Amino acid sequence: MIRVRVYCRYLDKEDKEIGDPYESFTYPEYIVNCPKREGTRKIGLSVSKKGEFVPLPIIDRMSKELKYELSMCVATIYGDEPKWLLFIEMIEHFKLQGVQHFYIHIHNASNYDLKVINDYVRTGEVEIHYLIERDQRTDNHWHMVNIADCLIWSRGDSKWTIFADLDERIIMTNYTGTILDYVRDIKNESIAGIQFRQQWVLKTELMPEKYINDRQIDSWMPTHRFHNSSGIGAVGHTAKCIIDSSKVFIMWVHSVTEFFPGKGYELYKLTPEEGLVRHYRDQSLGEWGRKWLNSTLKFGPLRKTDYPAKYLGKLTENVKRRAKYVYGNKFD
């Protein structure tokens, strides 16, 4: 969907079309530039000049003040594995690292998982975007739509934005502060993003379907249960990034595709001594273990590693509190 011709269609407050359709095209992928047109209240796209289109209300995003210092774009939620515990642990981990807001894109999720997702919406930490267009793409390819869309949502909202998956826990290593502390220390305006190398923590069981009690949380939180780990991946190999979206024009899963031109922006690549991604990668889903495990062994033999002890107690306490609040009502 790059450089596909489409037409911008403008409606006024009475839903009457304003002027002739404007011919544009998709670039970056899934994104269309439609110039401003006075009096517009809704805007839509059509594939032909007079074709059908669905008008959507314009959202005013002209505010010059950022809402957040650090936010997170979470990879699209889909698939059959129960997500409730992964989701709570992910949110609570990154909150401890200073994340103030989460953009969540959902392709499909169970009603049980949505209970806790919606509870985070209730408390103001999460906003949801549903990917319900009837495009023909496999579930994992909704990730690319999620990245393109979330880059736009975060631009003008947040100074720094993490792009990571539900099963990834980014940590600072020898640096003693949080992720938020680290990005606050970046003074070089040419740095548009930072990139973390990856270590795979082998997840060998699917998550439990439903909440039972605190003991279950102690036993099944990925940060408690899984420790068998790969060596650290090479620079750029399935890495993850935190970026300033005002400086990044096109984002990809593992790196920046294109910066805004003319400023000499660059991506700073952290050493493992500075920071790391702990990726609790399930071995059965997508046959990952069969397809990819051997290739990770070139980075060194498997070894036992642990989630940082200085965060584990508070993380566990926060996960238990949220799980019990959402799922611990005996009358449900």
C-alpha atoms as a PDB file:
ATOM      1  CA  MET A   1       0.000   0.000   0.000  1.00  0.00           C
ATOM      2  CA  ILE A   2       2.788   2.449  -0.903  1.00  0.00           C
ATOM      3  CA  ARG A   3       2.155   5.149  -3.553  1.00  0.00           C
ATOM      4  CA  VAL A   4      -1.394   3.980  -4.226  1.00  0.00           C
ATOM      5  CA  ARG A   5      -3.561   6.756  -5.659  1.00  0.00           C
ATOM      6  CA  VAL A   6      -6.498   7.824  -3.466  1.00  0.00           C
ATOM      7  CA  TYR A   7      -8.705  10.904  -3.201  1.00  0.00           C
ATOM      8  CA  CYS A   8      -9.260  13.107  -0.151  1.00  0.00           C
ATOM      9  CA  ARG A   9     -12.928  13.987   0.349  1.00  0.00           C
ATOM     10  CA  TYR A  10     -13.959  16.908   2.553  1.00  0.00           C
ATOM     11  CA  LEU A  11     -17.334  17.478   4.271  1.00  0.00           C
ATOM     12  CA  ASP A  12     -18.612  20.586   6.059  1.00  0.00           C
ATOM     13  CA  LYS A  13     -20.699  20.802   9.245  1.00  0.00           C
ATOM     14  CA  GLU A  14     -23.832  19.934   7.233  1.00  0.00           C
ATOM     15  CA  ASP A  15     -22.132  16.875   5.687  1.00  0.00           C
ATOM     16  CA  LYS A  16     -21.955  18.532   2.278  1.00  0.00           C
ATOM     17  CA  GLU A  17     -18.850  17.923   0.186  1.00  0.00           C
ATOM     18  CA  ILE A  18     -16.467  20.863  -0.077  1.00  0.00           C
ATOM     19  CA  GLY A  19     -14.891  21.400  -3.493  1.00  0.00           C
ATOM     20  CA  ASP A  20     -13.444  18.778  -5.781  1.00  0.00           C
ATOM     21  CA  PRO A  21     -11.763  15.642  -4.398  1.00  0.00           C
ATOM     22  CA  TYR A  22      -8.019  16.105  -3.888  1.00  0.00           C
ATOM     23  CA  GLU A  23      -5.798  13.522  -5.592  1.00  0.00           C
ATOM     24  CA  SER A  24      -3.154  12.119  -3.213  1.00  0.00           C
ATOM     25  CA  PHE A  25      -1.346   8.838  -2.580  1.00  0.00           C
ATOM     26  CA  THR A  26      -0.258   6.566   0.260  1.00  0.00           C
ATOM     27  CA  TYR A  27       3.171   7.379   1.650  1.00  0.00           C
ATOM     28  CA  PRO A  28       4.379   6.228   4.126  1.00  0.00           C
ATOM     29  CA  GLU A  29       2.511   2.935   3.936  1.00  0.00           C
ATOM     30  CA  TYR A  30      -1.157   3.287   5.024  1.00  0.00           C
ATOM     31  CA  ILE A  31      -0.758   7.080   5.447  1.00  0.00           C
ATOM     32  CA  VAL A  32      -2.296   9.715   3.154  1.00  0.00           C
ATOM     33  CA  ASN A  33      -1.534  13.446   3.185  1.00  0.00           C
ATOM     34  CA  CYS A  34      -4.675  15.556   2.736  1.00  0.00           C
ATOM     35  CA  PRO A  35      -4.068  19.333   2.735  1.00  0.00           C
ATOM     36  CA  LYS A  36      -6.233  21.462   4.988  1.00  0.00           C
ATOM     37  CA  ARG A  37      -9.448  22.851   3.506  1.00  0.00           C
ATOM     38  CA  GLU A  38     -11.377  25.611   5.252  1.00  0.00           C
ATOM     39  CA  GLY A  39     -14.695  24.612   6.803  1.00  0.00           C
ATOM     40  CA  THR A  40     -13.909  20.886   6.924  1.00  0.00           C
ATOM     41  CA  ARG A  41     -15.511  18.924   9.768  1.00  0.00           C
ATOM     42  CA  LYS A  42     -15.158  15.403   8.371  1.00  0.00           C
ATOM     43  CA  ILE A  43     -12.741  13.790   5.932  1.00  0.00           C
ATOM     44  CA  GLY A  44     -12.651  10.522   4.019  1.00  0.00           C
ATOM     45  CA  LEU A  45     -10.793   8.664   1.271  1.00  0.00           C
ATOM     46  CA  SER A  46     -12.008   7.093  -1.943  1.00  0.00           C
ATOM     47  CA  VAL A  47     -10.150   4.985  -4.483  1.00  0.00           C
ATOM     48  CA  SER A  48     -11.752   6.817  -7.411  1.00  0.00           C
ATOM     49  CA  LYS A  49     -12.550  10.490  -7.819  1.00  0.00           C
ATOM     50  CA  LYS A  50     -16.295  10.055  -7.364  1.00  0.00           C
ATOM     51  CA  GLY A  51     -16.238   6.735  -5.532  1.00  0.00           C
ATOM     52  CA  GLU A  52     -17.810   5.822  -2.216  1.00  0.00           C
ATOM     53  CA  PHE A  53     -16.103   6.855   1.016  1.00  0.00           C
ATOM     54  CA  VAL A  54     -16.695   6.793   4.758  1.00  0.00           C
ATOM     55  CA  PRO A  55     -16.296  10.255   6.361  1.00  0.00           C
ATOM     56  CA  LEU A  56     -14.663  10.472   9.778  1.00  0.00           C
ATOM     57  CA  PRO A  57     -14.674  13.445  12.175  1.00  0.00           C
ATOM     58  CA  ILE A  58     -11.456  15.458  12.192  1.00  0.00           C
ATOM     59  CA  ILE A  59      -9.494  15.322  15.461  1.00  0.00           C
ATOM     60  CA  ASP A  60      -7.789  18.584  16.380  1.00  0.00           C
ATOM     61  CA  ARG A  61      -4.125  17.715  16.990  1.00  0.00           C
ATOM     62  CA  MET A  62      -2.683  21.212  16.594  1.00  0.00           C
ATOM     63  CA  SER A  63      -1.742  21.615  20.268  1.00  0.00           C
ATOM     64  CA  LYS A  64       1.928  22.460  20.683  1.00  0.00           C
ATOM     65  CA  GLU A  65       2.176  21.075  24.207  1.00  0.00           C
ATOM     66  CA  LEU A  66       3.149  17.443  24.725  1.00  0.00           C
ATOM     67  CA  LYS A  67       0.983  15.387  27.057  1.00  0.00           C
ATOM     68  CA  TYR A  68       3.606  12.782  27.981  1.00  0.00           C
ATOM     69  CA  GLU A  69       7.349  12.438  28.342  1.00  0.00           C
ATOM     70  CA  LEU A  70       7.324   8.698  27.669  1.00  0.00           C
ATOM     71  CA  SER A  71       4.618   6.581  26.071  1.00  0.00           C
ATOM     72  CA  MET A  72       4.442   3.138  24.481  1.00  0.00           C
ATOM     73  CA  CYS A  73       3.078   1.733  21.235  1.00  0.00           C
ATOM     74  CA  VAL A  74       2.223  -1.903  21.973  1.00  0.00           C
ATOM     75  CA  ALA A  75       2.282  -4.367  19.064  1.00  0.00           C
ATOM     76  CA  THR A  76      -1.129  -5.459  17.787  1.00  0.00           C
ATOM     77  CA  ILE A  77      -3.028  -7.819  20.075  1.00  0.00           C
ATOM     78  CA  TYR A  78      -4.296 -10.947  18.314  1.00  0.00           C
ATOM     79  CA  GLY A  79      -4.164 -14.746  18.608  1.00  0.00           C
ATOM     80  CA  ASP A  80      -5.634 -17.405  20.865  1.00  0.00           C
ATOM     81  CA  GLU A  81      -3.222 -17.420  23.812  1.00  0.00           C
ATOM     82  CA  PRO A  82      -4.806 -15.843  26.934  1.00  0.00           C
ATOM     83  CA  LYS A  83      -3.407 -12.325  27.261  1.00  0.00           C
ATOM     84  CA  TRP A  84      -4.675 -11.057  30.627  1.00  0.00           C
ATOM     85  CA  LEU A  85      -1.570 -11.897  32.690  1.00  0.00           C
ATOM     86  CA  LEU A  86       0.918 -10.945  29.961  1.00  0.00           C
ATOM     87  CA  PHE A  87      -0.921  -7.671  29.544  1.00  0.00           C
ATOM     88  CA  ILE A  88      -0.969  -6.760  33.240  1.00  0.00           C
ATOM     89  CA  GLU A  89       2.703  -7.622  33.682  1.00  0.00           C
ATOM     90  CA  MET A  90       3.668  -5.644  30.577  1.00  0.00           C
ATOM     91  CA  ILE A  91       1.775  -2.529  31.676  1.00  0.00           C
ATOM     92  CA  GLU A  92       3.030  -2.661  35.258  1.00  0.00           C
ATOM     93  CA  HIS A  93       6.640  -3.280  34.175  1.00  0.00           C
ATOM     94  CA  PHE A  94       6.700  -0.262  31.899  1.00  0.00           C
ATOM     95  CA  LYS A  95       4.902   1.916  34.448  1.00  0.00           C
ATOM     96  CA  LEU A  96       7.779   1.189  36.822  1.00  0.00           C
ATOM     97  CA  GLN A  97      10.093   2.359  34.021  1.00  0.00           C
ATOM     98  CA  GLY A  98       8.287   5.685  33.761  1.00  0.00           C
ATOM     99  CA  VAL A  99       5.813   5.095  30.906  1.00  0.00           C
ATOM    100  CA  GLN A 100       2.834   7.415  31.326  1.00  0.00           C
ATOM    101  CA  HIS A 101       0.560   6.320  28.479  1.00  0.00           C
ATOM    102  CA  PHE A 102      -0.051   3.221  26.338  1.00  0.00           C
ATOM    103  CA  TYR A 103      -1.448   3.065  22.795  1.00  0.00           C
ATOM    104  CA  ILE A 104      -3.070  -0.343  22.276  1.00  0.00           C
ATOM    105  CA  HIS A 105      -4.132  -1.683  18.865  1.00  0.00           C
ATOM    106  CA  ILE A 106      -6.467  -4.691  18.936  1.00  0.00           C
ATOM    107  CA  HIS A 107      -7.167  -6.982  16.000  1.00  0.00           C
ATOM    108  CA  ASN A 108      -8.883  -9.564  18.173  1.00  0.00           C
ATOM    109  CA  ALA A 109      -9.076 -10.198  21.906  1.00  0.00           C
ATOM    110  CA  SER A 110     -11.262 -12.347  24.149  1.00  0.00           C
ATOM    111  CA  ASN A 111     -13.911 -10.822  26.384  1.00  0.00           C
ATOM    112  CA  TYR A 112     -11.927 -12.065  29.376  1.00  0.00           C
ATOM    113  CA  ASP A 113      -8.769 -10.246  28.267  1.00  0.00           C
ATOM    114  CA  LEU A 114     -10.772  -7.125  27.408  1.00  0.00           C
ATOM    115  CA  LYS A 115     -11.945  -6.866  31.030  1.00  0.00           C
ATOM    116  CA  VAL A 116      -8.474  -5.900  32.222  1.00  0.00           C
ATOM    117  CA  ILE A 117      -7.602  -3.906  29.097  1.00  0.00           C
ATOM    118  CA  ASN A 118     -10.730  -1.814  29.612  1.00  0.00           C
ATOM    119  CA  ASP A 119      -9.910  -1.398  33.286  1.00  0.00           C
ATOM    120  CA  TYR A 120      -6.673   0.328  32.291  1.00  0.00           C
ATOM    121  CA  VAL A 121      -8.736   2.539  29.982  1.00  0.00           C
ATOM    122  CA  ARG A 122     -10.892   3.378  32.997  1.00  0.00           C
ATOM    123  CA  THR A 123      -7.853   4.493  34.987  1.00  0.00           C
ATOM    124  CA  GLY A 124      -6.621   6.666  32.117  1.00  0.00           C
ATOM    125  CA  GLU A 125      -3.412   4.810  31.274  1.00  0.00           C
ATOM    126  CA  VAL A 126      -4.480   3.106  28.043  1.00  0.00           C
ATOM    127  CA  GLU A 127      -6.188   4.166  24.830  1.00  0.00           C
ATOM    128  CA  ILE A 128      -7.523   1.535  22.419  1.00  0.00           C
ATOM    129  CA  HIS A 129      -7.560   1.561  18.630  1.00  0.00           C
ATOM    130  CA  TYR A 130      -9.419  -1.307  16.947  1.00  0.00           C
ATOM    131  CA  LEU A 131      -8.139  -2.702  13.646  1.00  0.00           C
ATOM    132  CA  ILE A 132     -11.386  -3.910  12.126  1.00  0.00           C
ATOM    133  CA  GLU A 133     -10.963  -3.093   8.441  1.00  0.00           C
ATOM    134  CA  ARG A 134     -11.681  -6.115   6.273  1.00  0.00           C
ATOM    135  CA  ASP A 135      -8.305  -6.154   4.554  1.00  0.00           C
ATOM    136  CA  GLN A 136      -6.867  -9.510   3.584  1.00  0.00           C
ATOM    137  CA  ARG A 137      -3.767  -9.918   5.724  1.00  0.00           C
ATOM    138  CA  THR A 138      -2.561 -12.477   8.228  1.00  0.00           C
ATOM    139  CA  ASP A 139      -2.789 -11.556  11.902  1.00  0.00           C
ATOM    140  CA  ASN A 140       0.914 -10.799  12.297  1.00  0.00           C
ATOM    141  CA  HIS A 141       0.846  -8.376   9.354  1.00  0.00           C
ATOM    142  CA  TRP A 142      -1.524  -6.123  11.270  1.00  0.00           C
ATOM    143  CA  HIS A 143       1.663  -5.230  13.164  1.00  0.00           C
ATOM    144  CA  MET A 144       2.742  -3.012  10.264  1.00  0.00           C
ATOM    145  CA  VAL A 145      -0.575  -1.135  10.311  1.00  0.00           C
ATOM    146  CA  ASN A 146      -0.236  -0.758  14.079  1.00  0.00           C
ATOM    147  CA  ILE A 147       3.259   0.763  13.778  1.00  0.00           C
ATOM    148  CA  ALA A 148       2.281   3.250  11.065  1.00  0.00           C
ATOM    149  CA  ASP A 149      -0.859   4.311  12.912  1.00  0.00           C
ATOM    150  CA  CYS A 150       0.725   4.520  16.352  1.00  0.00           C
ATOM    151  CA  LEU A 151       3.591   6.655  15.087  1.00  0.00           C
ATOM    152  CA  ILE A 152       0.986   9.239  14.029  1.00  0.00           C
ATOM    153  CA  TRP A 153      -0.949   9.042  17.305  1.00  0.00           C
ATOM    154  CA  SER A 154       2.192   9.510  19.387  1.00  0.00           C
ATOM    155  CA  ARG A 155       3.519  12.415  17.295  1.00  0.00           C
ATOM    156  CA  GLY A 156       2.628  15.607  19.121  1.00  0.00           C
ATOM    157  CA  ASP A 157       1.421  13.599  22.127  1.00  0.00           C
ATOM    158  CA  SER A 158       4.656  12.250  23.573  1.00  0.00           C
ATOM    159  CA  LYS A 159       8.309  13.284  23.607  1.00  0.00           C
ATOM    160  CA  TRP A 160       9.583   9.676  23.557  1.00  0.00           C
ATOM    161  CA  THR A 161       7.720   6.547  22.445  1.00  0.00           C
ATOM    162  CA  ILE A 162       8.625   2.888  22.975  1.00  0.00           C
ATOM    163  CA  PHE A 163       7.764   0.407  20.207  1.00  0.00           C
ATOM    164  CA  ALA A 164       7.645  -3.098  21.701  1.00  0.00           C
ATOM    165  CA  ASP A 165       5.613  -6.289  21.989  1.00  0.00           C
ATOM    166  CA  LEU A 166       3.350  -7.654  24.692  1.00  0.00           C
ATOM    167  CA  ASP A 167       5.975 -10.232  25.707  1.00  0.00           C
ATOM    168  CA  GLU A 168       8.979  -7.873  25.783  1.00  0.00           C
ATOM    169  CA  ARG A 169      10.398  -6.198  28.885  1.00  0.00           C
ATOM    170  CA  ILE A 170      12.929  -3.454  28.112  1.00  0.00           C
ATOM    171  CA  ILE A 171      15.297  -2.772  30.999  1.00  0.00           C
ATOM    172  CA  MET A 172      18.274  -0.585  31.745  1.00  0.00           C
ATOM    173  CA  THR A 173      21.212  -2.701  32.903  1.00  0.00           C
ATOM    174  CA  ASN A 174      24.265  -0.971  34.388  1.00  0.00           C
ATOM    175  CA  TYR A 175      22.534   2.385  34.138  1.00  0.00           C
ATOM    176  CA  THR A 176      20.970   2.779  37.574  1.00  0.00           C
ATOM    177  CA  GLY A 177      17.843   4.741  36.667  1.00  0.00           C
ATOM    178  CA  THR A 178      14.648   3.965  34.772  1.00  0.00           C
ATOM    179  CA  ILE A 179      14.015   4.251  31.052  1.00  0.00           C
ATOM    180  CA  LEU A 180      12.428   7.659  31.683  1.00  0.00           C
ATOM    181  CA  ASP A 181      15.531   8.789  33.585  1.00  0.00           C
ATOM    182  CA  TYR A 182      17.699   7.677  30.661  1.00  0.00           C
ATOM    183  CA  VAL A 183      15.784   9.516  27.931  1.00  0.00           C
ATOM    184  CA  ARG A 184      15.627  12.626  30.103  1.00  0.00           C
ATOM    185  CA  ASP A 185      19.436  12.570  30.114  1.00  0.00           C
ATOM    186  CA  ILE A 186      19.626  12.695  26.289  1.00  0.00           C
ATOM    187  CA  LYS A 187      20.734  16.225  25.445  1.00  0.00           C
ATOM    188  CA  ASN A 188      21.988  15.672  21.893  1.00  0.00           C
ATOM    189  CA  GLU A 189      19.177  16.939  19.622  1.00  0.00           C
ATOM    190  CA  SER A 190      20.468  14.867  16.696  1.00  0.00           C
ATOM    191  CA  ILE A 191      19.506  11.651  18.513  1.00  0.00           C
ATOM    192  CA  ALA A 192      16.039  10.759  17.239  1.00  0.00           C
ATOM    193  CA  GLY A 193      15.887   7.342  18.847  1.00  0.00           C
ATOM    194  CA  ILE A 194      17.719   4.681  20.817  1.00  0.00           C
ATOM    195  CA  GLN A 195      17.923   0.989  19.957  1.00  0.00           C
ATOM    196  CA  PHE A 196      18.140  -1.952  22.364  1.00  0.00           C
ATOM    197  CA  ARG A 197      19.616  -5.353  21.547  1.00  0.00           C
ATOM    198  CA  GLN A 198      17.555  -8.429  22.324  1.00  0.00           C
ATOM    199  CA  GLN A 199      17.886 -11.476  24.555  1.00  0.00           C
ATOM    200  CA  TRP A 200      15.336 -14.263  24.199  1.00  0.00           C
ATOM    201  CA  VAL A 201      13.950 -15.807  27.388  1.00  0.00           C
ATOM    202  CA  LEU A 202      12.452 -19.135  26.346  1.00  0.00           C
ATOM    203  CA  LYS A 203       8.762 -19.321  27.241  1.00  0.00           C
ATOM    204  CA  THR A 204       7.740 -22.975  27.073  1.00  0.00           C
ATOM    205  CA  GLU A 205       4.105 -22.879  28.256  1.00  0.00           C
ATOM    206  CA  LEU A 206       1.006 -20.920  27.293  1.00  0.00           C
ATOM    207  CA  MET A 207      -0.425 -18.525  29.868  1.00  0.00           C
ATOM    208  CA  PRO A 208      -3.323 -19.625  32.135  1.00  0.00           C
ATOM    209  CA  GLU A 209      -6.816 -19.000  30.824  1.00  0.00           C
ATOM    210  CA  LYS A 210      -8.267 -17.383  33.944  1.00  0.00           C
ATOM    211  CA  TYR A 211      -7.245 -15.783  37.222  1.00  0.00           C
ATOM    212  CA  ILE A 212      -7.367 -17.929  40.379  1.00  0.00           C
ATOM    213  CA  ASN A 213      -5.429 -16.267  43.211  1.00  0.00           C
ATOM    214  CA  ASP A 214      -2.163 -14.634  44.307  1.00  0.00           C
ATOM    215  CA  ARG A 215      -0.283 -17.944  44.393  1.00  0.00           C
ATOM    216  CA  GLN A 216      -1.106 -18.451  40.731  1.00  0.00           C
ATOM    217  CA  ILE A 217       0.348 -15.004  39.957  1.00  0.00           C
ATOM    218  CA  ASP A 218       3.574 -15.880  41.799  1.00  0.00           C
ATOM    219  CA  SER A 219       3.852 -19.080  39.812  1.00  0.00           C
ATOM    220  CA  TRP A 220       2.840 -17.835  36.347  1.00  0.00           C
ATOM    221  CA  MET A 221       4.145 -14.300  35.876  1.00  0.00           C
ATOM    222  CA  PRO A 222       6.654 -14.698  33.022  1.00  0.00           C
ATOM    223  CA  THR A 223       9.247 -12.737  34.986  1.00  0.00           C
ATOM    224  CA  HIS A 224       8.951 -15.379  37.741  1.00  0.00           C
ATOM    225  CA  ARG A 225       8.487 -18.524  35.683  1.00  0.00           C
ATOM    226  CA  PHE A 226      10.959 -18.353  32.775  1.00  0.00           C
ATOM    227  CA  HIS A 227      14.746 -17.949  33.042  1.00  0.00           C
ATOM    228  CA  ASN A 228      16.386 -20.108  30.335  1.00  0.00           C
ATOM    229  CA  SER A 229      17.860 -17.470  28.030  1.00  0.00           C
ATOM    230  CA  SER A 230      19.810 -17.060  24.812  1.00  0.00           C
ATOM    231  CA  GLY A 231      22.922 -15.001  24.292  1.00  0.00           C
ATOM    232  CA  ILE A 232      22.430 -11.362  23.337  1.00  0.00           C
ATOM    233  CA  GLY A 233      21.536 -10.739  19.699  1.00  0.00           C
ATOM    234  CA  ALA A 234      23.786  -8.824  17.335  1.00  0.00           C
ATOM    235  CA  VAL A 235      23.424  -5.082  16.825  1.00  0.00           C
ATOM    236  CA  GLY A 236      20.133  -4.453  15.012  1.00  0.00           C
ATOM    237  CA  HIS A 237      19.056  -8.128  15.101  1.00  0.00           C
ATOM    238  CA  THR A 238      15.343  -8.053  16.017  1.00  0.00           C
ATOM    239  CA  ALA A 239      16.147  -4.965  18.109  1.00  0.00           C
ATOM    240  CA  LYS A 240      13.552  -2.616  19.626  1.00  0.00           C
ATOM    241  CA  CYS A 241      13.548   1.157  19.742  1.00  0.00           C
ATOM    242  CA  ILE A 242      12.448   4.195  21.687  1.00  0.00           C
ATOM    243  CA  ILE A 243      12.016   7.152  19.363  1.00  0.00           C
ATOM    244  CA  ASP A 244      11.145  10.844  19.256  1.00  0.00           C
ATOM    245  CA  SER A 245       8.224  10.651  16.820  1.00  0.00           C
ATOM    246  CA  SER A 246       8.601  14.319  15.852  1.00  0.00           C
ATOM    247  CA  LYS A 247      11.914  13.326  14.226  1.00  0.00           C
ATOM    248  CA  VAL A 248      10.921   9.937  12.735  1.00  0.00           C
ATOM    249  CA  PHE A 249       8.970   9.919   9.468  1.00  0.00           C
ATOM    250  CA  ILE A 250       8.672   6.139   8.952  1.00  0.00           C
ATOM    251  CA  MET A 251       9.045   3.472  11.653  1.00  0.00           C
ATOM    252  CA  TRP A 252       9.575  -0.270  11.246  1.00  0.00           C
ATOM    253  CA  VAL A 253       9.331  -3.141  13.756  1.00  0.00           C
ATOM    254  CA  HIS A 254      13.021  -3.188  14.667  1.00  0.00           C
ATOM    255  CA  SER A 255      14.426   0.136  13.530  1.00  0.00           C
ATOM    256  CA  VAL A 256      13.745   3.531  11.987  1.00  0.00           C
ATOM    257  CA  THR A 257      13.111   3.392   8.238  1.00  0.00           C
ATOM    258  CA  GLU A 258      13.300   7.124   7.548  1.00  0.00           C
ATOM    259  CA  PHE A 259      13.949  10.253   9.604  1.00  0.00           C
ATOM    260  CA  PHE A 260      12.566  13.672   8.767  1.00  0.00           C
ATOM    261  CA  PRO A 261      15.176  15.170   6.418  1.00  0.00           C
ATOM    262  CA  GLY A 262      17.632  17.982   6.814  1.00  0.00           C
ATOM    263  CA  LYS A 263      18.528  17.764  10.499  1.00  0.00           C
ATOM    264  CA  GLY A 264      21.057  14.941  10.547  1.00  0.00           C
ATOM    265  CA  TYR A 265      18.978  12.762  12.858  1.00  0.00           C
ATOM    266  CA  GLU A 266      20.408   9.409  13.939  1.00  0.00           C
ATOM    267  CA  LEU A 267      19.660   6.295  15.973  1.00  0.00           C
ATOM    268  CA  TYR A 268      21.864   5.663  18.998  1.00  0.00           C
ATOM    269  CA  LYS A 269      22.533   1.941  19.519  1.00  0.00           C
ATOM    270  CA  LEU A 270      22.872   0.990  23.166  1.00  0.00           C
ATOM    271  CA  THR A 271      25.343  -1.584  24.372  1.00  0.00           C
ATOM    272  CA  PRO A 272      23.980  -4.467  26.495  1.00  0.00           C
ATOM    273  CA  GLU A 273      25.734  -2.809  29.434  1.00  0.00           C
ATOM    274  CA  GLU A 274      23.384   0.162  29.008  1.00  0.00           C
ATOM    275  CA  GLY A 275      20.081  -1.541  28.238  1.00  0.00           C
ATOM    276  CA  LEU A 276      18.456  -4.706  26.918  1.00  0.00           C
ATOM    277  CA  VAL A 277      15.201  -6.308  25.755  1.00  0.00           C
ATOM    278  CA  ARG A 278      14.154  -9.405  27.697  1.00  0.00           C
ATOM    279  CA  HIS A 279      11.866 -11.113  25.187  1.00  0.00           C
ATOM    280  CA  TYR A 280       9.734 -13.870  26.774  1.00  0.00           C
ATOM    281  CA  ARG A 281       9.280 -15.635  23.447  1.00  0.00           C
ATOM    282  CA  ASP A 282       6.861 -18.547  23.328  1.00  0.00           C
ATOM    283  CA  GLN A 283       8.397 -21.555  21.611  1.00  0.00           C
ATOM    284  CA  SER A 284       5.196 -23.056  20.193  1.00  0.00           C
ATOM    285  CA  LEU A 285       3.334 -20.049  18.817  1.00  0.00           C
ATOM    286  CA  GLY A 286       4.097 -19.635  15.134  1.00  0.00           C
ATOM    287  CA  GLU A 287       6.446 -22.624  15.548  1.00  0.00           C
ATOM    288  CA  TRP A 288       9.075 -20.125  16.678  1.00  0.00           C
ATOM    289  CA  GLY A 289      11.177 -22.714  18.489  1.00  0.00           C
ATOM    290  CA  ARG A 290      11.400 -24.974  15.447  1.00  0.00           C
ATOM    291  CA  LYS A 291      12.065 -22.138  13.016  1.00  0.00           C
ATOM    292  CA  TRP A 292      14.304 -19.766  14.947  1.00  0.00           C
ATOM    293  CA  LEU A 293      15.728 -21.222  18.161  1.00  0.00           C
ATOM    294  CA  ASN A 294      18.831 -22.690  16.509  1.00  0.00           C
ATOM    295  CA  SER A 295      19.649 -19.364  14.869  1.00  0.00           C
ATOM    296  CA  THR A 296      19.703 -17.653  18.274  1.00  0.00           C
ATOM    297  CA  LEU A 297      22.285 -20.143  19.543  1.00  0.00           C
ATOM    298  CA  LYS A 298      24.936 -18.503  17.347  1.00  0.00           C
ATOM    299  CA  PHE A 299      24.871 -15.685  19.909  1.00  0.00           C
ATOM    300  CA  GLY A 300      26.086 -18.068  22.600  1.00  0.00           C
ATOM    301  CA  PRO A 301      24.871 -21.003  24.694  1.00  0.00           C
ATOM    302  CA  LEU A 302      21.687 -20.924  26.714  1.00  0.00           C
ATOM    303  CA  ARG A 303      22.058 -19.594  30.253  1.00  0.00           C
ATOM    304  CA  LYS A 304      19.939 -18.737  33.285  1.00  0.00           C
ATOM    305  CA  THR A 305      19.036 -15.068  33.661  1.00  0.00           C
ATOM    306  CA  ASP A 306      16.649 -13.223  35.955  1.00  0.00           C
ATOM    307  CA  TYR A 307      14.423 -10.180  35.763  1.00  0.00           C
ATOM    308  CA  PRO A 308      16.017  -7.379  37.852  1.00  0.00           C
ATOM    309  CA  ALA A 309      15.499  -8.084  41.539  1.00  0.00           C
ATOM    310  CA  LYS A 310      15.175  -4.388  42.382  1.00  0.00           C
ATOM    311  CA  TYR A 311      11.897  -4.203  40.430  1.00  0.00           C
ATOM    312  CA  LEU A 312      10.486  -7.705  40.878  1.00  0.00           C
ATOM    313  CA  GLY A 313       8.858  -7.211  44.291  1.00  0.00           C
ATOM    314  CA  LYS A 314       6.989  -4.047  43.345  1.00  0.00           C
ATOM    315  CA  LEU A 315       6.079  -5.472  39.952  1.00  0.00           C
ATOM    316  CA  THR A 316       4.580  -8.579  41.554  1.00  0.00           C
ATOM    317  CA  GLU A 317       2.641  -6.510  44.090  1.00  0.00           C
ATOM    318  CA  ASN A 318       1.175  -4.301  41.351  1.00  0.00           C
ATOM    319  CA  VAL A 319       0.247  -7.241  39.112  1.00  0.00           C
ATOM    320  CA  LYS A 320      -1.535  -8.985  41.979  1.00  0.00           C
ATOM    321  CA  ARG A 321      -3.439  -5.843  42.906  1.00  0.00           C
ATOM    322  CA  ARG A 322      -4.752  -5.232  39.393  1.00  0.00           C
ATOM    323  CA  ALA A 323      -5.574  -8.894  38.695  1.00  0.00           C
ATOM    324  CA  LYS A 324      -7.459  -9.244  41.964  1.00  0.00           C
ATOM    325  CA  TYR A 325      -9.385  -6.021  41.405  1.00  0.00           C
ATOM    326  CA  VAL A 326     -10.493  -7.000  37.914  1.00  0.00           C
ATOM    327  CA  TYR A 327     -10.967 -10.761  38.260  1.00  0.00           C
ATOM    328  CA  GLY A 328     -11.241 -11.419  41.985  1.00  0.00           C
ATOM    329  CA  ASN A 329     -14.939 -10.625  42.375  1.00  0.00           C
ATOM    330  CA  LYS A 330     -16.494 -13.879  43.560  1.00  0.00           C
ATOM    331  CA  PHE A 331     -19.871 -12.846  42.141  1.00  0.00           C
ATOM    332  CA  ASP A 332     -18.603 -12.688  38.529  1.00  0.00           C
END
